[in-house]
N, C-alpha and C. Protein backbone atom coordinates (compact mmCIF):
# COMPACT_ATOMS: atom_id res chain seq x y z
N MET A 1 0.91 -1.17 -0.02
CA MET A 1 0.10 -0.02 0.04
C MET A 1 0.88 1.24 0.00
N ILE A 2 0.40 2.31 -0.70
CA ILE A 2 1.18 3.59 -0.71
C ILE A 2 1.13 4.20 0.60
N ASP A 3 2.28 4.86 1.00
CA ASP A 3 2.21 5.74 2.20
C ASP A 3 1.30 6.89 1.97
N ARG A 4 0.43 7.16 2.87
CA ARG A 4 -0.46 8.18 2.72
C ARG A 4 -0.26 9.38 3.67
N PRO A 5 -0.83 10.59 3.25
CA PRO A 5 -0.84 11.67 4.20
C PRO A 5 -1.63 11.36 5.43
N GLY A 6 -1.25 12.17 6.55
CA GLY A 6 -1.95 11.96 7.84
C GLY A 6 -3.40 12.43 7.75
N PRO A 7 -4.01 12.76 8.86
CA PRO A 7 -5.43 13.14 8.97
C PRO A 7 -5.76 14.38 7.92
N GLN A 8 -6.91 14.35 7.56
CA GLN A 8 -7.33 15.29 6.48
C GLN A 8 -7.60 16.63 7.11
N GLU A 9 -7.05 17.64 6.55
CA GLU A 9 -7.41 19.03 6.88
C GLU A 9 -8.84 19.34 6.38
N PRO A 10 -9.45 20.34 7.00
CA PRO A 10 -10.85 20.80 6.40
C PRO A 10 -10.72 21.17 4.97
N ILE A 11 -11.66 20.74 4.11
CA ILE A 11 -11.63 21.07 2.79
C ILE A 11 -11.87 22.61 2.64
N VAL A 12 -10.98 23.13 1.88
CA VAL A 12 -11.05 24.64 1.70
C VAL A 12 -11.55 24.85 0.18
N ILE A 13 -12.55 25.67 0.05
CA ILE A 13 -13.10 25.98 -1.26
C ILE A 13 -13.01 27.59 -1.42
N THR A 14 -11.99 27.99 -2.13
CA THR A 14 -11.75 29.39 -2.19
C THR A 14 -12.92 30.11 -2.80
N GLU A 15 -13.62 29.47 -3.81
CA GLU A 15 -14.82 30.18 -4.41
C GLU A 15 -15.87 30.47 -3.38
N LEU A 16 -15.98 29.52 -2.56
CA LEU A 16 -17.04 29.67 -1.39
C LEU A 16 -16.63 30.69 -0.48
N ASP A 17 -15.48 30.56 0.09
CA ASP A 17 -14.86 31.55 1.03
C ASP A 17 -15.04 33.04 0.49
N GLU A 18 -14.56 33.27 -0.91
CA GLU A 18 -14.65 34.61 -1.42
C GLU A 18 -16.08 35.07 -1.62
N LEU A 19 -17.05 34.13 -1.85
CA LEU A 19 -18.44 34.40 -2.11
C LEU A 19 -19.08 34.92 -0.69
N LEU A 20 -18.60 34.21 0.37
CA LEU A 20 -19.04 34.61 1.72
C LEU A 20 -18.37 35.86 2.24
N LEU A 21 -17.15 36.16 1.81
CA LEU A 21 -16.54 37.38 2.27
C LEU A 21 -17.17 38.57 1.56
N THR A 22 -17.64 38.38 0.31
CA THR A 22 -18.18 39.55 -0.58
C THR A 22 -19.64 39.65 -0.34
N ASN A 23 -20.25 38.90 0.22
CA ASN A 23 -21.73 38.89 0.43
C ASN A 23 -22.02 38.79 1.88
N ASP A 24 -22.86 39.89 2.29
CA ASP A 24 -23.32 39.81 3.59
C ASP A 24 -24.56 39.04 3.67
N LEU A 25 -24.53 37.87 4.09
CA LEU A 25 -25.78 36.95 4.04
C LEU A 25 -26.79 37.40 5.15
N GLY A 26 -26.34 38.24 6.14
CA GLY A 26 -27.11 38.64 7.10
C GLY A 26 -28.10 39.79 6.60
N SER A 27 -27.71 40.26 5.42
CA SER A 27 -28.45 41.42 4.80
C SER A 27 -29.23 40.85 3.50
N LEU A 28 -29.62 39.69 3.40
CA LEU A 28 -30.46 39.27 2.29
C LEU A 28 -31.61 40.00 1.94
N SER A 29 -32.31 40.44 2.99
CA SER A 29 -33.57 41.16 2.80
C SER A 29 -33.38 42.63 2.13
N THR A 30 -32.24 43.05 2.18
CA THR A 30 -32.01 44.43 1.60
C THR A 30 -31.44 44.27 0.12
N ARG A 31 -31.10 43.12 -0.25
CA ARG A 31 -30.50 42.87 -1.61
C ARG A 31 -31.43 42.82 -2.74
N PRO A 32 -31.14 43.43 -3.79
CA PRO A 32 -31.99 43.40 -5.07
C PRO A 32 -32.29 41.86 -5.39
N ILE A 33 -33.41 41.67 -6.02
CA ILE A 33 -33.81 40.30 -6.32
C ILE A 33 -32.84 39.73 -7.38
N HIS A 34 -32.30 40.51 -8.39
CA HIS A 34 -31.36 39.93 -9.31
C HIS A 34 -30.05 39.42 -8.49
N ASP A 35 -29.71 40.17 -7.55
CA ASP A 35 -28.47 39.87 -6.81
C ASP A 35 -28.68 38.51 -6.12
N LEU A 36 -29.96 38.28 -5.49
CA LEU A 36 -30.20 37.11 -4.85
C LEU A 36 -30.24 35.92 -5.89
N ARG A 37 -30.90 36.12 -7.05
CA ARG A 37 -30.76 35.07 -7.98
C ARG A 37 -29.37 34.70 -8.43
N ALA A 38 -28.56 35.67 -8.55
CA ALA A 38 -27.14 35.41 -8.95
C ALA A 38 -26.32 34.65 -7.86
N LEU A 39 -26.62 35.00 -6.62
CA LEU A 39 -26.09 34.35 -5.51
C LEU A 39 -26.41 32.91 -5.41
N ARG A 40 -27.79 32.68 -5.62
CA ARG A 40 -28.35 31.32 -5.59
C ARG A 40 -27.54 30.51 -6.66
N GLU A 41 -27.41 31.10 -7.85
CA GLU A 41 -26.73 30.45 -9.03
C GLU A 41 -25.30 30.10 -8.64
N GLN A 42 -24.57 30.98 -8.00
CA GLN A 42 -23.22 30.76 -7.62
C GLN A 42 -23.11 29.61 -6.63
N LEU A 43 -23.97 29.71 -5.68
CA LEU A 43 -23.98 28.65 -4.61
C LEU A 43 -24.46 27.23 -5.20
N GLY A 44 -25.40 27.36 -6.16
CA GLY A 44 -25.73 26.10 -6.88
C GLY A 44 -24.49 25.50 -7.60
N GLU A 45 -23.61 26.23 -8.25
CA GLU A 45 -22.49 25.65 -8.99
C GLU A 45 -21.45 25.15 -7.90
N ILE A 46 -21.31 25.78 -6.85
CA ILE A 46 -20.52 25.22 -5.85
C ILE A 46 -21.04 23.89 -5.33
N GLU A 47 -22.25 23.89 -5.13
CA GLU A 47 -22.87 22.63 -4.55
C GLU A 47 -22.75 21.43 -5.64
N ALA A 48 -22.98 21.85 -6.84
CA ALA A 48 -22.75 20.81 -7.93
C ALA A 48 -21.42 20.21 -7.93
N GLY A 49 -20.36 21.11 -7.73
CA GLY A 49 -19.00 20.53 -7.70
C GLY A 49 -18.75 19.61 -6.52
N LEU A 50 -19.27 20.11 -5.40
CA LEU A 50 -19.18 19.28 -4.10
C LEU A 50 -19.82 18.02 -4.29
N SER A 51 -21.08 17.99 -4.86
CA SER A 51 -21.85 16.80 -5.00
C SER A 51 -21.17 15.82 -5.82
N PHE A 52 -20.61 16.30 -6.95
CA PHE A 52 -19.91 15.35 -7.83
C PHE A 52 -18.60 14.69 -7.13
N ALA A 53 -17.83 15.57 -6.46
CA ALA A 53 -16.79 15.05 -5.75
C ALA A 53 -17.15 14.03 -4.71
N ARG A 54 -18.25 14.43 -4.03
CA ARG A 54 -18.73 13.53 -2.98
C ARG A 54 -19.25 12.11 -3.49
N ARG A 55 -19.81 12.14 -4.67
CA ARG A 55 -20.26 10.94 -5.33
C ARG A 55 -19.06 10.14 -5.67
N MET A 56 -18.10 10.74 -6.14
CA MET A 56 -16.83 9.81 -6.63
C MET A 56 -16.18 9.28 -5.28
N ALA A 57 -16.21 9.90 -4.19
CA ALA A 57 -15.61 9.44 -3.07
C ALA A 57 -16.55 8.25 -2.52
N GLN A 58 -17.82 8.48 -2.60
CA GLN A 58 -18.74 7.40 -2.04
C GLN A 58 -18.55 6.20 -2.89
N GLY A 59 -18.30 6.38 -4.24
CA GLY A 59 -18.19 5.23 -5.13
C GLY A 59 -16.86 4.38 -4.75
N ARG A 60 -15.83 5.05 -4.58
CA ARG A 60 -14.70 4.38 -4.17
C ARG A 60 -14.69 3.77 -2.81
N LEU A 61 -15.38 4.44 -1.92
CA LEU A 61 -15.70 3.78 -0.53
C LEU A 61 -16.46 2.56 -0.59
N ASP A 62 -17.53 2.65 -1.52
CA ASP A 62 -18.42 1.46 -1.63
C ASP A 62 -17.61 0.17 -2.20
N ILE A 63 -16.86 0.54 -3.08
CA ILE A 63 -16.02 -0.62 -3.68
C ILE A 63 -15.01 -1.29 -2.67
N VAL A 64 -14.39 -0.35 -1.91
CA VAL A 64 -13.38 -0.77 -0.91
C VAL A 64 -14.23 -1.61 0.16
N LEU A 65 -15.32 -1.08 0.69
CA LEU A 65 -16.14 -1.73 1.71
C LEU A 65 -16.67 -3.06 1.22
N ALA A 66 -17.09 -3.12 -0.03
CA ALA A 66 -17.57 -4.37 -0.52
C ALA A 66 -16.54 -5.42 -0.56
N GLU A 67 -15.35 -5.10 -0.91
CA GLU A 67 -14.18 -6.06 -0.90
C GLU A 67 -13.87 -6.45 0.67
N PHE A 68 -13.84 -5.39 1.41
CA PHE A 68 -13.49 -5.60 2.88
C PHE A 68 -14.53 -6.58 3.56
N HIS A 69 -15.85 -6.43 3.34
CA HIS A 69 -16.88 -7.23 3.79
C HIS A 69 -16.80 -8.65 3.24
N SER A 70 -16.40 -8.71 1.92
CA SER A 70 -16.33 -10.05 1.39
C SER A 70 -15.20 -10.82 2.09
N ARG A 71 -14.12 -10.09 2.34
CA ARG A 71 -12.99 -10.82 3.03
C ARG A 71 -13.30 -11.23 4.40
N LEU A 72 -14.12 -10.27 5.19
CA LEU A 72 -14.43 -10.68 6.50
C LEU A 72 -15.41 -11.94 6.53
N GLN A 73 -16.13 -12.07 5.59
CA GLN A 73 -17.12 -13.22 5.34
C GLN A 73 -16.38 -14.25 4.78
N GLY A 74 -15.23 -14.29 4.50
CA GLY A 74 -14.41 -15.46 4.08
C GLY A 74 -14.45 -15.70 2.61
N ARG A 75 -15.11 -14.85 1.92
CA ARG A 75 -15.13 -14.85 0.51
C ARG A 75 -13.88 -14.03 -0.21
N ALA A 76 -13.11 -14.71 -0.98
CA ALA A 76 -12.07 -13.94 -1.66
C ALA A 76 -12.52 -13.77 -3.09
N GLU A 77 -12.76 -12.50 -3.45
CA GLU A 77 -13.18 -12.21 -4.86
C GLU A 77 -11.95 -11.63 -5.61
N THR A 78 -11.86 -11.96 -6.89
CA THR A 78 -10.82 -11.23 -7.64
C THR A 78 -11.51 -9.94 -8.02
N ALA A 79 -10.61 -9.05 -8.53
CA ALA A 79 -10.98 -7.74 -8.97
C ALA A 79 -11.94 -7.86 -10.09
N GLN A 80 -11.75 -8.81 -10.95
CA GLN A 80 -12.77 -9.02 -12.05
C GLN A 80 -14.20 -9.43 -11.52
N GLU A 81 -14.20 -10.21 -10.46
CA GLU A 81 -15.44 -10.55 -9.90
C GLU A 81 -16.13 -9.32 -9.21
N LEU A 82 -15.33 -8.55 -8.52
CA LEU A 82 -15.88 -7.43 -8.02
C LEU A 82 -16.52 -6.42 -9.04
N VAL A 83 -15.71 -6.31 -10.12
CA VAL A 83 -16.19 -5.39 -11.21
C VAL A 83 -17.62 -5.90 -11.74
N GLY A 84 -17.74 -7.17 -11.75
CA GLY A 84 -18.98 -7.92 -12.20
C GLY A 84 -20.09 -7.41 -11.28
N ARG A 85 -19.80 -7.10 -9.94
CA ARG A 85 -20.77 -6.81 -9.00
C ARG A 85 -20.98 -5.32 -8.78
N LEU A 86 -20.24 -4.57 -9.54
CA LEU A 86 -20.27 -3.10 -9.41
C LEU A 86 -21.75 -2.52 -9.40
N PRO A 87 -22.62 -2.85 -10.29
CA PRO A 87 -23.91 -2.30 -10.27
C PRO A 87 -24.63 -2.47 -8.82
N GLU A 88 -24.34 -3.64 -8.32
CA GLU A 88 -24.98 -4.02 -7.04
C GLU A 88 -24.41 -3.15 -5.95
N VAL A 89 -23.06 -3.15 -6.02
CA VAL A 89 -22.20 -2.46 -4.94
C VAL A 89 -22.58 -1.05 -5.02
N LEU A 90 -22.59 -0.39 -6.15
CA LEU A 90 -22.71 1.12 -6.28
C LEU A 90 -24.16 1.56 -6.13
N SER A 91 -25.12 0.70 -6.25
CA SER A 91 -26.48 1.08 -6.10
C SER A 91 -26.98 0.96 -4.62
N GLY A 92 -26.11 0.43 -3.73
CA GLY A 92 -26.46 0.42 -2.30
C GLY A 92 -26.29 1.64 -1.55
N GLN A 93 -25.98 2.73 -2.24
CA GLN A 93 -25.81 4.04 -1.51
C GLN A 93 -27.27 4.47 -0.95
N VAL A 94 -27.28 4.81 0.26
CA VAL A 94 -28.49 5.30 0.84
C VAL A 94 -28.62 6.77 0.65
N ARG A 95 -29.80 7.24 0.29
CA ARG A 95 -30.06 8.60 0.10
C ARG A 95 -30.64 9.27 1.33
N GLY A 96 -30.45 10.63 1.37
CA GLY A 96 -30.91 11.18 2.70
C GLY A 96 -32.55 11.34 2.58
N THR A 97 -33.02 11.75 3.61
CA THR A 97 -34.45 11.83 3.75
C THR A 97 -34.99 13.22 3.20
N GLY A 98 -34.07 14.10 2.99
CA GLY A 98 -34.66 15.38 2.52
C GLY A 98 -35.01 15.49 1.07
N GLN A 99 -35.70 16.56 0.69
CA GLN A 99 -36.10 16.57 -0.71
C GLN A 99 -34.91 16.64 -1.69
N PRO A 100 -35.04 15.96 -2.69
CA PRO A 100 -33.88 15.93 -3.83
C PRO A 100 -33.87 17.30 -4.38
N ARG A 101 -32.63 17.67 -4.75
CA ARG A 101 -32.41 18.91 -5.45
C ARG A 101 -32.57 18.64 -6.95
N ALA A 102 -33.01 19.73 -7.59
CA ALA A 102 -33.16 19.57 -9.04
C ALA A 102 -31.78 19.27 -9.72
N VAL A 103 -31.74 18.44 -10.67
CA VAL A 103 -30.58 18.14 -11.50
C VAL A 103 -30.45 19.08 -12.51
N ARG A 104 -29.24 19.90 -12.59
CA ARG A 104 -29.01 20.86 -13.66
C ARG A 104 -27.79 20.52 -14.40
N ASP A 105 -27.73 21.01 -15.58
CA ASP A 105 -26.59 20.93 -16.48
C ASP A 105 -25.66 21.96 -16.17
N VAL A 106 -24.58 21.75 -15.33
CA VAL A 106 -23.64 22.93 -14.84
C VAL A 106 -22.24 22.38 -15.29
N GLU A 107 -21.41 23.39 -15.46
CA GLU A 107 -20.04 23.09 -15.55
C GLU A 107 -19.41 23.20 -14.15
N PHE A 108 -18.67 22.14 -13.83
CA PHE A 108 -18.10 22.03 -12.41
C PHE A 108 -17.17 23.19 -12.29
N PRO A 109 -17.02 23.89 -11.02
CA PRO A 109 -16.13 24.80 -10.74
C PRO A 109 -14.74 24.24 -10.66
N PRO A 110 -13.77 25.07 -10.92
CA PRO A 110 -12.35 24.55 -10.78
C PRO A 110 -11.88 23.86 -9.57
N PHE A 111 -12.45 24.15 -8.46
CA PHE A 111 -12.08 23.37 -7.18
C PHE A 111 -12.42 21.94 -7.28
N THR A 112 -13.33 21.50 -8.12
CA THR A 112 -13.67 20.14 -8.18
C THR A 112 -12.58 19.31 -8.50
N GLU A 113 -11.71 19.75 -9.51
CA GLU A 113 -10.46 18.95 -9.99
C GLU A 113 -9.52 18.89 -8.69
N GLN A 114 -9.33 19.93 -8.00
CA GLN A 114 -8.55 19.87 -6.89
C GLN A 114 -8.99 18.98 -5.88
N ILE A 115 -10.33 18.84 -5.58
CA ILE A 115 -10.76 17.94 -4.58
C ILE A 115 -10.64 16.44 -5.19
N LEU A 116 -10.87 16.29 -6.40
CA LEU A 116 -10.70 15.02 -7.01
C LEU A 116 -9.13 14.57 -6.91
N GLY A 117 -8.30 15.42 -7.09
CA GLY A 117 -6.86 15.19 -6.90
C GLY A 117 -6.48 14.80 -5.46
N GLU A 118 -7.15 15.40 -4.45
CA GLU A 118 -7.00 15.10 -3.02
C GLU A 118 -7.55 13.63 -2.89
N LEU A 119 -8.65 13.31 -3.46
CA LEU A 119 -9.22 11.93 -3.33
C LEU A 119 -8.28 10.96 -3.95
N ASP A 120 -7.64 11.31 -5.15
CA ASP A 120 -6.69 10.36 -5.79
C ASP A 120 -5.57 10.11 -4.85
N GLN A 121 -5.08 11.10 -4.17
CA GLN A 121 -3.95 10.85 -3.17
C GLN A 121 -4.28 9.81 -2.10
N LEU A 122 -5.57 9.97 -1.75
CA LEU A 122 -6.03 8.97 -0.64
C LEU A 122 -6.20 7.58 -1.14
N LEU A 123 -6.95 7.46 -2.44
CA LEU A 123 -7.14 6.26 -2.97
C LEU A 123 -7.25 6.36 -4.50
N HIS A 124 -6.29 6.14 -5.22
CA HIS A 124 -6.33 6.38 -6.62
C HIS A 124 -7.08 5.17 -7.36
N PRO A 125 -7.81 5.67 -8.43
CA PRO A 125 -8.70 4.74 -9.12
C PRO A 125 -7.82 3.37 -9.62
N THR A 126 -6.57 3.64 -9.86
CA THR A 126 -5.73 2.44 -10.30
C THR A 126 -5.53 1.43 -9.24
N GLU A 127 -5.71 1.86 -7.91
CA GLU A 127 -5.45 0.89 -6.87
C GLU A 127 -6.66 0.00 -6.79
N LEU A 128 -7.80 0.49 -7.26
CA LEU A 128 -8.98 -0.39 -7.25
C LEU A 128 -8.91 -1.57 -8.24
N THR A 129 -8.07 -1.37 -9.26
CA THR A 129 -7.93 -2.51 -10.22
C THR A 129 -7.21 -3.66 -9.55
N GLY A 130 -6.41 -3.39 -8.61
CA GLY A 130 -5.68 -4.53 -8.00
C GLY A 130 -6.11 -4.59 -6.47
N ILE A 131 -7.43 -4.41 -6.34
CA ILE A 131 -7.92 -4.45 -4.99
C ILE A 131 -7.83 -5.86 -4.30
N ASP A 132 -7.66 -6.89 -5.10
CA ASP A 132 -7.68 -8.18 -4.62
C ASP A 132 -6.30 -8.53 -4.03
N ASP A 133 -5.32 -7.73 -4.40
CA ASP A 133 -3.92 -7.83 -3.83
C ASP A 133 -3.72 -7.13 -2.39
N LEU A 134 -4.75 -6.27 -2.04
CA LEU A 134 -4.62 -5.47 -0.93
C LEU A 134 -5.02 -6.48 0.30
N GLY A 135 -4.36 -6.21 1.46
CA GLY A 135 -4.69 -7.01 2.66
C GLY A 135 -5.88 -6.28 3.42
N VAL A 136 -6.48 -6.99 4.31
CA VAL A 136 -7.62 -6.53 5.02
C VAL A 136 -7.29 -5.32 5.69
N ASP A 137 -6.03 -5.18 6.33
CA ASP A 137 -5.73 -3.93 7.05
C ASP A 137 -5.58 -2.75 6.14
N ASP A 138 -5.01 -3.06 4.83
CA ASP A 138 -4.98 -1.98 3.80
C ASP A 138 -6.30 -1.49 3.46
N LEU A 139 -7.22 -2.42 3.25
CA LEU A 139 -8.63 -2.17 2.86
C LEU A 139 -9.26 -1.29 3.89
N ASP A 140 -9.17 -1.65 5.13
CA ASP A 140 -9.64 -0.93 6.32
C ASP A 140 -9.09 0.48 6.38
N ALA A 141 -7.68 0.62 6.14
CA ALA A 141 -7.04 2.04 6.20
C ALA A 141 -7.60 2.77 5.06
N ALA A 142 -7.70 2.16 3.78
CA ALA A 142 -8.29 2.97 2.68
C ALA A 142 -9.79 3.40 2.95
N ALA A 143 -10.54 2.58 3.54
CA ALA A 143 -11.91 2.98 3.83
C ALA A 143 -12.03 3.99 4.89
N GLN A 144 -11.01 3.96 5.92
CA GLN A 144 -11.06 5.05 6.91
C GLN A 144 -10.65 6.41 6.36
N ARG A 145 -9.74 6.38 5.38
CA ARG A 145 -9.23 7.64 4.70
C ARG A 145 -10.38 8.17 3.86
N VAL A 146 -10.88 7.30 3.05
CA VAL A 146 -11.95 7.93 2.12
C VAL A 146 -13.11 8.26 2.83
N SER A 147 -13.57 7.55 3.86
CA SER A 147 -14.78 7.87 4.62
C SER A 147 -14.54 9.19 5.36
N ALA A 148 -13.40 9.50 5.99
CA ALA A 148 -13.27 10.83 6.54
C ALA A 148 -13.21 11.93 5.45
N PHE A 149 -12.77 11.68 4.34
CA PHE A 149 -12.69 12.71 3.32
C PHE A 149 -14.22 12.85 2.81
N GLU A 150 -14.96 11.82 2.71
CA GLU A 150 -16.38 11.97 2.34
C GLU A 150 -17.15 12.77 3.30
N ARG A 151 -16.90 12.45 4.59
CA ARG A 151 -17.56 13.21 5.70
C ARG A 151 -17.35 14.69 5.62
N SER A 152 -16.07 15.01 5.35
CA SER A 152 -15.63 16.38 5.26
C SER A 152 -16.42 17.23 4.06
N LEU A 153 -16.38 16.37 3.00
CA LEU A 153 -17.18 16.94 1.79
C LEU A 153 -18.63 17.20 2.15
N SER A 154 -19.14 16.10 2.92
CA SER A 154 -20.57 16.24 3.27
C SER A 154 -20.93 17.48 4.12
N ALA A 155 -20.06 17.79 5.13
CA ALA A 155 -20.25 18.78 5.91
C ALA A 155 -20.15 20.09 5.18
N LYS A 156 -19.30 20.27 4.22
CA LYS A 156 -19.07 21.52 3.44
C LYS A 156 -20.39 21.59 2.57
N ARG A 157 -20.82 20.49 2.00
CA ARG A 157 -21.95 20.47 1.15
C ARG A 157 -23.30 20.84 2.01
N SER A 158 -23.32 20.40 3.23
CA SER A 158 -24.53 20.74 4.08
C SER A 158 -24.52 22.22 4.36
N GLU A 159 -23.33 22.85 4.41
CA GLU A 159 -23.18 24.36 4.79
C GLU A 159 -23.64 25.17 3.51
N VAL A 160 -23.37 24.60 2.37
CA VAL A 160 -23.81 25.29 1.06
C VAL A 160 -25.27 25.05 0.95
N HIS A 161 -25.84 23.92 1.27
CA HIS A 161 -27.35 23.73 1.21
C HIS A 161 -27.95 24.73 2.10
N ARG A 162 -27.44 24.84 3.32
CA ARG A 162 -28.07 25.79 4.19
C ARG A 162 -28.07 27.25 3.57
N LEU A 163 -27.01 27.70 3.01
CA LEU A 163 -26.92 29.06 2.45
C LEU A 163 -27.87 29.11 1.17
N ILE A 164 -27.92 28.10 0.49
CA ILE A 164 -28.92 28.12 -0.69
C ILE A 164 -30.32 28.28 -0.14
N ASP A 165 -30.66 27.45 0.85
CA ASP A 165 -32.03 27.48 1.39
C ASP A 165 -32.36 28.92 2.06
N GLU A 166 -31.37 29.69 2.50
CA GLU A 166 -31.63 31.00 3.06
C GLU A 166 -32.00 31.95 2.00
N VAL A 167 -31.15 31.79 0.95
CA VAL A 167 -31.42 32.65 -0.22
C VAL A 167 -32.66 32.34 -0.86
N GLN A 168 -32.87 31.22 -1.11
CA GLN A 168 -34.26 30.74 -1.65
C GLN A 168 -35.39 31.11 -0.90
N GLU A 169 -35.35 31.00 0.43
CA GLU A 169 -36.39 31.57 1.35
C GLU A 169 -36.63 33.07 1.16
N GLU A 170 -35.60 33.79 1.05
CA GLU A 170 -35.74 35.21 0.88
C GLU A 170 -36.55 35.41 -0.43
N ILE A 171 -36.02 34.79 -1.54
CA ILE A 171 -36.78 35.06 -2.87
C ILE A 171 -38.14 34.53 -2.70
N ILE A 172 -38.39 33.45 -2.21
CA ILE A 172 -39.82 33.06 -2.07
C ILE A 172 -40.67 34.04 -1.25
N GLY A 173 -40.13 34.50 -0.12
CA GLY A 173 -40.75 35.44 0.72
C GLY A 173 -41.11 36.78 -0.08
N ARG A 174 -40.34 37.14 -1.01
CA ARG A 174 -40.66 38.31 -1.89
C ARG A 174 -41.75 38.08 -2.81
N TYR A 175 -41.77 36.91 -3.33
CA TYR A 175 -43.07 36.67 -4.17
C TYR A 175 -44.29 36.53 -3.34
N ARG A 176 -44.16 36.00 -2.23
CA ARG A 176 -45.35 35.81 -1.27
C ARG A 176 -45.87 37.12 -0.87
N ASN A 177 -45.02 38.13 -0.41
CA ASN A 177 -45.39 39.39 0.16
C ASN A 177 -45.61 40.37 -1.06
N GLY A 178 -45.44 39.94 -2.27
CA GLY A 178 -45.81 40.83 -3.42
C GLY A 178 -44.69 41.85 -3.90
N SER A 179 -43.56 41.89 -3.14
CA SER A 179 -42.56 42.90 -3.52
C SER A 179 -41.84 42.62 -4.78
N VAL A 180 -41.97 41.29 -5.33
CA VAL A 180 -41.58 40.96 -6.60
C VAL A 180 -42.68 40.14 -7.26
N SER A 181 -42.82 40.08 -8.43
CA SER A 181 -43.73 39.16 -9.12
C SER A 181 -43.19 38.47 -10.32
N VAL A 182 -43.96 37.50 -10.73
CA VAL A 182 -43.52 36.78 -11.92
C VAL A 182 -43.28 37.62 -13.08
N ASP A 183 -44.17 38.68 -13.10
CA ASP A 183 -43.88 39.59 -14.33
C ASP A 183 -42.52 40.24 -14.34
N ASP A 184 -41.95 40.56 -13.09
CA ASP A 184 -40.61 41.16 -12.98
C ASP A 184 -39.66 40.15 -13.49
N LEU A 185 -39.84 38.70 -13.16
CA LEU A 185 -38.86 37.78 -13.73
C LEU A 185 -38.97 37.75 -15.16
N LEU A 186 -40.12 37.80 -15.82
CA LEU A 186 -40.22 37.69 -17.16
C LEU A 186 -39.67 38.87 -18.01
N GLN A 187 -39.66 40.04 -17.28
CA GLN A 187 -39.20 41.29 -17.91
C GLN A 187 -37.60 41.26 -17.91
N GLY A 188 -37.04 40.54 -17.13
CA GLY A 188 -35.53 40.66 -17.16
C GLY A 188 -34.90 40.11 -15.98
């Protein structure tokens, strides 16, 4: 197994930090509606990048855990057998209980590549092709690393969801109280 870096630092997303520094989220009620829509869009792009990276981490984690559990149960699978079970392994991801977010066609922000690079340092996809050569301790260590990374991504993603919800509530509130209308949206 490749020597790995120590415990993960919190994931830093410069785009999100800059957005938070330049936008006073405490003053959403005083912001023009077009600013709120732009802010929501920016946050949505950040969320899309985080979600993609998180799904990639979850996929790798699911593969490692499937092999780990097979070994604990005394079944030794080859990498080829595991590949044959990938649809089953990857479909086992549990979804949250919240409302699903709309799927949009977005270009991922630049930080997504950086996060995927960090994930590759923890467990590179090429290591999965030789997963049957890894020992149980190596599998456990890989699962621990990727799991911690995924939790960090999830925490950051939850923070972004909270911000999106705050902005969305302000927008909806304006439609409800009549300060903006659908006609305003259609005009520009």
